[in-house]
PDB file of all heavy atoms in Angstrom:
ATOM      1  N   VAL A   1      10.165  10.407 -16.716  1.00  0.00           N
ATOM      2  CA  VAL A   1       8.819  10.827 -17.114  1.00  0.00           C
ATOM      3  C   VAL A   1       8.744  10.757 -18.634  1.00  0.00           C
ATOM      4  O   VAL A   1       9.349  11.553 -19.345  1.00  0.00           O
ATOM      5  CB  VAL A   1       8.510  12.259 -16.627  1.00  0.00           C
ATOM      6  CG1 VAL A   1       7.162  12.716 -17.160  1.00  0.00           C
ATOM      7  CG2 VAL A   1       8.514  12.299 -15.107  1.00  0.00           C
ATOM      8  N   ASN A   2       8.011   9.781 -19.123  1.00  0.00           N
ATOM      9  CA  ASN A   2       7.907   9.535 -20.560  1.00  0.00           C
ATOM     10  C   ASN A   2       6.447   9.311 -20.910  1.00  0.00           C
ATOM     11  O   ASN A   2       6.067   8.307 -21.484  1.00  0.00           O
ATOM     12  CB  ASN A   2       8.768   8.330 -20.962  1.00  0.00           C
ATOM     13  CG  ASN A   2       8.842   8.159 -22.457  1.00  0.00           C
ATOM     14  OD1 ASN A   2       8.776   9.136 -23.201  1.00  0.00           O
ATOM     15  ND2 ASN A   2       8.949   6.920 -22.914  1.00  0.00           N
ATOM     16  N   THR A   3       5.636  10.282 -20.542  1.00  0.00           N
ATOM     17  CA  THR A   3       4.198  10.142 -20.719  1.00  0.00           C
ATOM     18  C   THR A   3       3.596  11.492 -21.048  1.00  0.00           C
ATOM     19  O   THR A   3       4.232  12.540 -20.881  1.00  0.00           O
ATOM     20  CB  THR A   3       3.556   9.585 -19.431  1.00  0.00           C
ATOM     21  OG1 THR A   3       2.161   9.348 -19.669  1.00  0.00           O
ATOM     22  CG2 THR A   3       3.691  10.580 -18.282  1.00  0.00           C
ATOM     23  N   GLU A   4       2.380  11.482 -21.546  1.00  0.00           N
ATOM     24  CA  GLU A   4       1.690  12.732 -21.838  1.00  0.00           C
ATOM     25  C   GLU A   4       1.275  13.419 -20.536  1.00  0.00           C
ATOM     26  O   GLU A   4       0.745  12.784 -19.625  1.00  0.00           O
ATOM     27  CB  GLU A   4       0.469  12.465 -22.712  1.00  0.00           C
ATOM     28  CG  GLU A   4       0.827  11.954 -24.096  1.00  0.00           C
ATOM     29  CD  GLU A   4      -0.388  11.789 -24.981  1.00  0.00           C
ATOM     30  OE1 GLU A   4      -1.486  11.595 -24.430  1.00  0.00           O
ATOM     31  OE2 GLU A   4      -0.234  11.848 -26.209  1.00  0.00           O
ATOM     32  N   LEU A   5       1.502  14.714 -20.464  1.00  0.00           N
ATOM     33  CA  LEU A   5       1.069  15.526 -19.333  1.00  0.00           C
ATOM     34  C   LEU A   5      -0.238  16.206 -19.721  1.00  0.00           C
ATOM     35  O   LEU A   5      -0.325  16.875 -20.754  1.00  0.00           O
ATOM     36  CB  LEU A   5       2.135  16.560 -18.973  1.00  0.00           C
ATOM     37  CG  LEU A   5       3.496  15.973 -18.585  1.00  0.00           C
ATOM     38  CD1 LEU A   5       4.505  17.083 -18.351  1.00  0.00           C
ATOM     39  CD2 LEU A   5       3.376  15.091 -17.350  1.00  0.00           C
ATOM     40  N   ARG A   6      -1.268  16.053 -18.885  1.00  0.00           N
ATOM     41  CA  ARG A   6      -2.612  16.450 -19.282  1.00  0.00           C
ATOM     42  C   ARG A   6      -3.214  17.595 -18.472  1.00  0.00           C
ATOM     43  O   ARG A   6      -4.264  18.120 -18.846  1.00  0.00           O
ATOM     44  CB  ARG A   6      -3.554  15.244 -19.209  1.00  0.00           C
ATOM     45  CG  ARG A   6      -3.150  14.114 -20.137  1.00  0.00           C
ATOM     46  CD  ARG A   6      -4.074  12.922 -20.006  1.00  0.00           C
ATOM     47  NE  ARG A   6      -3.678  11.830 -20.875  1.00  0.00           N
ATOM     48  CZ  ARG A   6      -4.106  11.669 -22.137  1.00  0.00           C
ATOM     49  NH1 ARG A   6      -4.937  12.538 -22.656  1.00  0.00           N
ATOM     50  NH2 ARG A   6      -3.698  10.633 -22.851  1.00  0.00           N
ATOM     51  N   GLY A   7      -2.582  17.981 -17.383  1.00  0.00           N
ATOM     52  CA  GLY A   7      -3.121  19.062 -16.571  1.00  0.00           C
ATOM     53  C   GLY A   7      -2.022  19.824 -15.874  1.00  0.00           C
ATOM     54  O   GLY A   7      -0.961  19.270 -15.565  1.00  0.00           O
ATOM     55  N   VAL A   8      -2.246  21.119 -15.609  1.00  0.00           N
ATOM     56  CA  VAL A   8      -1.246  21.944 -14.948  1.00  0.00           C
ATOM     57  C   VAL A   8      -1.941  23.018 -14.122  1.00  0.00           C
ATOM     58  O   VAL A   8      -3.002  23.520 -14.505  1.00  0.00           O
ATOM     59  CB  VAL A   8      -0.280  22.590 -15.976  1.00  0.00           C
ATOM     60  CG1 VAL A   8      -1.026  23.507 -16.941  1.00  0.00           C
ATOM     61  CG2 VAL A   8       0.849  23.337 -15.277  1.00  0.00           C
ATOM     62  N   ASP A   9      -1.346  23.339 -12.977  1.00  0.00           N
ATOM     63  CA  ASP A   9      -1.905  24.387 -12.126  1.00  0.00           C
ATOM     64  C   ASP A   9      -0.776  25.066 -11.366  1.00  0.00           C
ATOM     65  O   ASP A   9       0.135  24.400 -10.856  1.00  0.00           O
ATOM     66  CB  ASP A   9      -2.920  23.811 -11.137  1.00  0.00           C
ATOM     67  CG  ASP A   9      -3.646  24.904 -10.363  1.00  0.00           C
ATOM     68  OD1 ASP A   9      -4.278  25.759 -11.013  1.00  0.00           O
ATOM     69  OD2 ASP A   9      -3.575  24.914  -9.123  1.00  0.00           O
ATOM     70  N   PHE A  10      -0.827  26.404 -11.312  1.00  0.00           N
ATOM     71  CA  PHE A  10       0.167  27.184 -10.592  1.00  0.00           C
ATOM     72  C   PHE A  10      -0.499  27.918  -9.433  1.00  0.00           C
ATOM     73  O   PHE A  10      -1.623  28.422  -9.565  1.00  0.00           O
ATOM     74  CB  PHE A  10       0.847  28.185 -11.522  1.00  0.00           C
ATOM     75  CG  PHE A  10       2.014  27.611 -12.277  1.00  0.00           C
ATOM     76  CD1 PHE A  10       1.802  26.767 -13.360  1.00  0.00           C
ATOM     77  CD2 PHE A  10       3.313  27.898 -11.903  1.00  0.00           C
ATOM     78  CE1 PHE A  10       2.873  26.219 -14.054  1.00  0.00           C
ATOM     79  CE2 PHE A  10       4.390  27.356 -12.586  1.00  0.00           C
ATOM     80  CZ  PHE A  10       4.168  26.522 -13.663  1.00  0.00           C
ATOM     81  N   VAL A  11       0.202  27.965  -8.309  1.00  0.00           N
ATOM     82  CA  VAL A  11      -0.259  28.650  -7.113  1.00  0.00           C
ATOM     83  C   VAL A  11       0.694  29.790  -6.809  1.00  0.00           C
ATOM     84  O   VAL A  11       1.909  29.576  -6.696  1.00  0.00           O
ATOM     85  CB  VAL A  11      -0.337  27.687  -5.905  1.00  0.00           C
ATOM     86  CG1 VAL A  11      -0.824  28.429  -4.673  1.00  0.00           C
ATOM     87  CG2 VAL A  11      -1.229  26.500  -6.226  1.00  0.00           C
ATOM     88  N   ASP A  12       0.154  30.994  -6.667  1.00  0.00           N
ATOM     89  CA  ASP A  12       0.970  32.162  -6.348  1.00  0.00           C
ATOM     90  C   ASP A  12       1.430  32.072  -4.907  1.00  0.00           C
ATOM     91  O   ASP A  12       0.611  32.033  -3.984  1.00  0.00           O
ATOM     92  CB  ASP A  12       0.151  33.433  -6.573  1.00  0.00           C
ATOM     93  CG  ASP A  12       1.000  34.697  -6.500  1.00  0.00           C
ATOM     94  OD1 ASP A  12       2.160  34.608  -6.066  1.00  0.00           O
ATOM     95  OD2 ASP A  12       0.479  35.766  -6.868  1.00  0.00           O
ATOM     96  N   THR A  13       2.745  32.041  -4.699  1.00  0.00           N
ATOM     97  CA  THR A  13       3.287  31.947  -3.342  1.00  0.00           C
ATOM     98  C   THR A  13       3.810  33.280  -2.839  1.00  0.00           C
ATOM     99  O   THR A  13       4.414  33.357  -1.772  1.00  0.00           O
ATOM    100  CB  THR A  13       4.419  30.902  -3.292  1.00  0.00           C
ATOM    101  OG1 THR A  13       5.415  31.232  -4.270  1.00  0.00           O
ATOM    102  CG2 THR A  13       3.879  29.510  -3.575  1.00  0.00           C
ATOM    103  N   GLY A  14       3.589  34.351  -3.603  1.00  0.00           N
ATOM    104  CA  GLY A  14       3.984  35.684  -3.181  1.00  0.00           C
ATOM    105  C   GLY A  14       5.404  36.027  -3.565  1.00  0.00           C
ATOM    106  O   GLY A  14       6.235  35.155  -3.834  1.00  0.00           O
ATOM    107  N   GLY A  15       5.681  37.322  -3.605  1.00  0.00           N
ATOM    108  CA  GLY A  15       7.026  37.772  -3.914  1.00  0.00           C
ATOM    109  C   GLY A  15       7.466  37.484  -5.324  1.00  0.00           C
ATOM    110  O   GLY A  15       8.670  37.366  -5.587  1.00  0.00           O
ATOM    111  N   GLY A  16       6.509  37.358  -6.245  1.00  0.00           N
ATOM    112  CA  GLY A  16       6.862  37.093  -7.631  1.00  0.00           C
ATOM    113  C   GLY A  16       7.209  35.662  -7.940  1.00  0.00           C
ATOM    114  O   GLY A  16       7.723  35.362  -9.020  1.00  0.00           O
ATOM    115  N   SER A  17       6.946  34.761  -7.011  1.00  0.00           N
ATOM    116  CA  SER A  17       7.244  33.344  -7.239  1.00  0.00           C
ATOM    117  C   SER A  17       5.964  32.524  -7.174  1.00  0.00           C
ATOM    118  O   SER A  17       4.924  32.995  -6.712  1.00  0.00           O
ATOM    119  CB  SER A  17       8.242  32.828  -6.203  1.00  0.00           C
ATOM    120  OG  SER A  17       7.708  32.942  -4.896  1.00  0.00           O
ATOM    121  N   ALA A  18       6.040  31.292  -7.643  1.00  0.00           N
ATOM    122  CA  ALA A  18       4.878  30.414  -7.674  1.00  0.00           C
ATOM    123  C   ALA A  18       5.328  28.966  -7.634  1.00  0.00           C
ATOM    124  O   ALA A  18       6.473  28.639  -7.955  1.00  0.00           O
ATOM    125  CB  ALA A  18       4.039  30.666  -8.917  1.00  0.00           C
ATOM    126  N   THR A  19       4.404  28.101  -7.244  1.00  0.00           N
ATOM    127  CA  THR A  19       4.619  26.661  -7.279  1.00  0.00           C
ATOM    128  C   THR A  19       3.694  26.059  -8.325  1.00  0.00           C
ATOM    129  O   THR A  19       2.502  26.380  -8.358  1.00  0.00           O
ATOM    130  CB  THR A  19       4.337  26.018  -5.912  1.00  0.00           C
ATOM    131  OG1 THR A  19       5.224  26.576  -4.944  1.00  0.00           O
ATOM    132  CG2 THR A  19       4.536  24.510  -5.959  1.00  0.00           C
ATOM    133  N   GLY A  20       4.253  25.213  -9.190  1.00  0.00           N
ATOM    134  CA  GLY A  20       3.461  24.614 -10.245  1.00  0.00           C
ATOM    135  C   GLY A  20       3.413  23.101 -10.146  1.00  0.00           C
ATOM    136  O   GLY A  20       4.370  22.460  -9.697  1.00  0.00           O
ATOM    137  N   TYR A  21       2.275  22.542 -10.541  1.00  0.00           N
ATOM    138  CA  TYR A  21       2.078  21.094 -10.561  1.00  0.00           C
ATOM    139  C   TYR A  21       1.550  20.700 -11.938  1.00  0.00           C
ATOM    140  O   TYR A  21       0.723  21.393 -12.527  1.00  0.00           O
ATOM    141  CB  TYR A  21       1.063  20.652  -9.508  1.00  0.00           C
ATOM    142  CG  TYR A  21       1.457  20.997  -8.090  1.00  0.00           C
ATOM    143  CD1 TYR A  21       1.156  22.253  -7.549  1.00  0.00           C
ATOM    144  CD2 TYR A  21       2.132  20.074  -7.276  1.00  0.00           C
ATOM    145  CE1 TYR A  21       1.517  22.578  -6.249  1.00  0.00           C
ATOM    146  CE2 TYR A  21       2.484  20.401  -5.978  1.00  0.00           C
ATOM    147  CZ  TYR A  21       2.179  21.639  -5.476  1.00  0.00           C
ATOM    148  OH  TYR A  21       2.539  21.972  -4.187  1.00  0.00           O
ATOM    149  N   ALA A  22       2.042  19.566 -12.435  1.00  0.00           N
ATOM    150  CA  ALA A  22       1.532  19.009 -13.693  1.00  0.00           C
ATOM    151  C   ALA A  22       1.264  17.521 -13.488  1.00  0.00           C
ATOM    152  O   ALA A  22       1.989  16.852 -12.738  1.00  0.00           O
ATOM    153  CB  ALA A  22       2.525  19.216 -14.822  1.00  0.00           C
ATOM    154  N   VAL A  23       0.224  17.026 -14.149  1.00  0.00           N
ATOM    155  CA  VAL A  23      -0.157  15.623 -13.986  1.00  0.00           C
ATOM    156  C   VAL A  23      -0.291  14.982 -15.355  1.00  0.00           C
ATOM    157  O   VAL A  23      -0.540  15.642 -16.363  1.00  0.00           O
ATOM    158  CB  VAL A  23      -1.486  15.489 -13.211  1.00  0.00           C
ATOM    159  CG1 VAL A  23      -1.349  16.043 -11.813  1.00  0.00           C
ATOM    160  CG2 VAL A  23      -2.629  16.207 -13.947  1.00  0.00           C
ATOM    161  N   GLY A  24      -0.094  13.638 -15.362  1.00  0.00           N
ATOM    162  CA  GLY A  24      -0.184  12.939 -16.642  1.00  0.00           C
ATOM    163  C   GLY A  24      -0.522  11.479 -16.494  1.00  0.00           C
ATOM    164  O   GLY A  24      -0.892  11.001 -15.403  1.00  0.00           O
ATOM    165  N   ASP A  25      -0.390  10.755 -17.589  1.00  0.00           N
ATOM    166  CA  ASP A  25      -0.750   9.341 -17.634  1.00  0.00           C
ATOM    167  C   ASP A  25       0.111   8.533 -16.658  1.00  0.00           C
ATOM    168  O   ASP A  25       1.261   8.876 -16.365  1.00  0.00           O
ATOM    169  CB  ASP A  25      -0.556   8.789 -19.029  1.00  0.00           C
ATOM    170  CG  ASP A  25      -1.515   9.436 -20.032  1.00  0.00           C
ATOM    171  OD1 ASP A  25      -2.430  10.148 -19.596  1.00  0.00           O
ATOM    172  OD2 ASP A  25      -1.310   9.235 -21.245  1.00  0.00           O
ATOM    173  N   GLY A  26      -0.454   7.422 -16.171  1.00  0.00           N
ATOM    174  CA  GLY A  26       0.286   6.510 -15.313  1.00  0.00           C
ATOM    175  C   GLY A  26       0.540   7.031 -13.914  1.00  0.00           C
ATOM    176  O   GLY A  26       1.517   6.627 -13.281  1.00  0.00           O
ATOM    177  N   GLY A  27      -0.320   7.939 -13.438  1.00  0.00           N
ATOM    178  CA  GLY A  27      -0.168   8.453 -12.081  1.00  0.00           C
ATOM    179  C   GLY A  27       0.968   9.443 -11.907  1.00  0.00           C
ATOM    180  O   GLY A  27       1.434   9.666 -10.776  1.00  0.00           O
ATOM    181  N   VAL A  28       1.424  10.056 -12.984  1.00  0.00           N
ATOM    182  CA  VAL A  28       2.551  10.986 -12.914  1.00  0.00           C
ATOM    183  C   VAL A  28       2.102  12.334 -12.365  1.00  0.00           C
ATOM    184  O   VAL A  28       1.120  12.928 -12.838  1.00  0.00           O
ATOM    185  CB  VAL A  28       3.189  11.183 -14.301  1.00  0.00           C
ATOM    186  CG1 VAL A  28       4.130  12.394 -14.312  1.00  0.00           C
ATOM    187  CG2 VAL A  28       3.925   9.933 -14.715  1.00  0.00           C
ATOM    188  N   ILE A  29       2.814  12.826 -11.361  1.00  0.00           N
ATOM    189  CA  ILE A  29       2.659  14.184 -10.839  1.00  0.00           C
ATOM    190  C   ILE A  29       4.060  14.775 -10.706  1.00  0.00           C
ATOM    191  O   ILE A  29       4.926  14.186 -10.073  1.00  0.00           O
ATOM    192  CB  ILE A  29       1.965  14.208  -9.459  1.00  0.00           C
ATOM    193  CG1 ILE A  29       0.569  13.570  -9.532  1.00  0.00           C
ATOM    194  CG2 ILE A  29       1.860  15.645  -8.950  1.00  0.00           C
ATOM    195  CD1 ILE A  29      -0.134  13.504  -8.181  1.00  0.00           C
ATOM    196  N   ILE A  30       4.269  15.929 -11.336  1.00  0.00           N
ATOM    197  CA  ILE A  30       5.558  16.612 -11.204  1.00  0.00           C
ATOM    198  C   ILE A  30       5.314  18.008 -10.638  1.00  0.00           C
ATOM    199  O   ILE A  30       4.214  18.550 -10.733  1.00  0.00           O
ATOM    200  CB  ILE A  30       6.312  16.697 -12.549  1.00  0.00           C
ATOM    201  CG1 ILE A  30       5.491  17.462 -13.588  1.00  0.00           C
ATOM    202  CG2 ILE A  30       6.656  15.305 -13.059  1.00  0.00           C
ATOM    203  CD1 ILE A  30       6.230  17.661 -14.910  1.00  0.00           C
ATOM    204  N   LYS A  31       6.356  18.562 -10.031  1.00  0.00           N
ATOM    205  CA  LYS A  31       6.237  19.835  -9.324  1.00  0.00           C
ATOM    206  C   LYS A  31       7.438  20.710  -9.650  1.00  0.00           C
ATOM    207  O   LYS A  31       8.550  20.228  -9.823  1.00  0.00           O
ATOM    208  CB  LYS A  31       6.166  19.574  -7.823  1.00  0.00           C
ATOM    209  CG  LYS A  31       6.130  20.820  -6.957  1.00  0.00           C
ATOM    210  CD  LYS A  31       6.111  20.441  -5.480  1.00  0.00           C
ATOM    211  CE  LYS A  31       6.120  21.655  -4.567  1.00  0.00           C
ATOM    212  NZ  LYS A  31       6.128  21.288  -3.127  1.00  0.00           N
TER     213      LYS A  31
END
C-alpha cells in the first residue's frame, strides 16, 4: 500500500472493540 488514504470509518463491534476500514487511491481498501 503506497498511496494516499482518503477515508476511514470504524464500526463498534461491542465489548470495547471495533472494526475499521480505510480507503484510498487506486481502489485500495484496508481493514
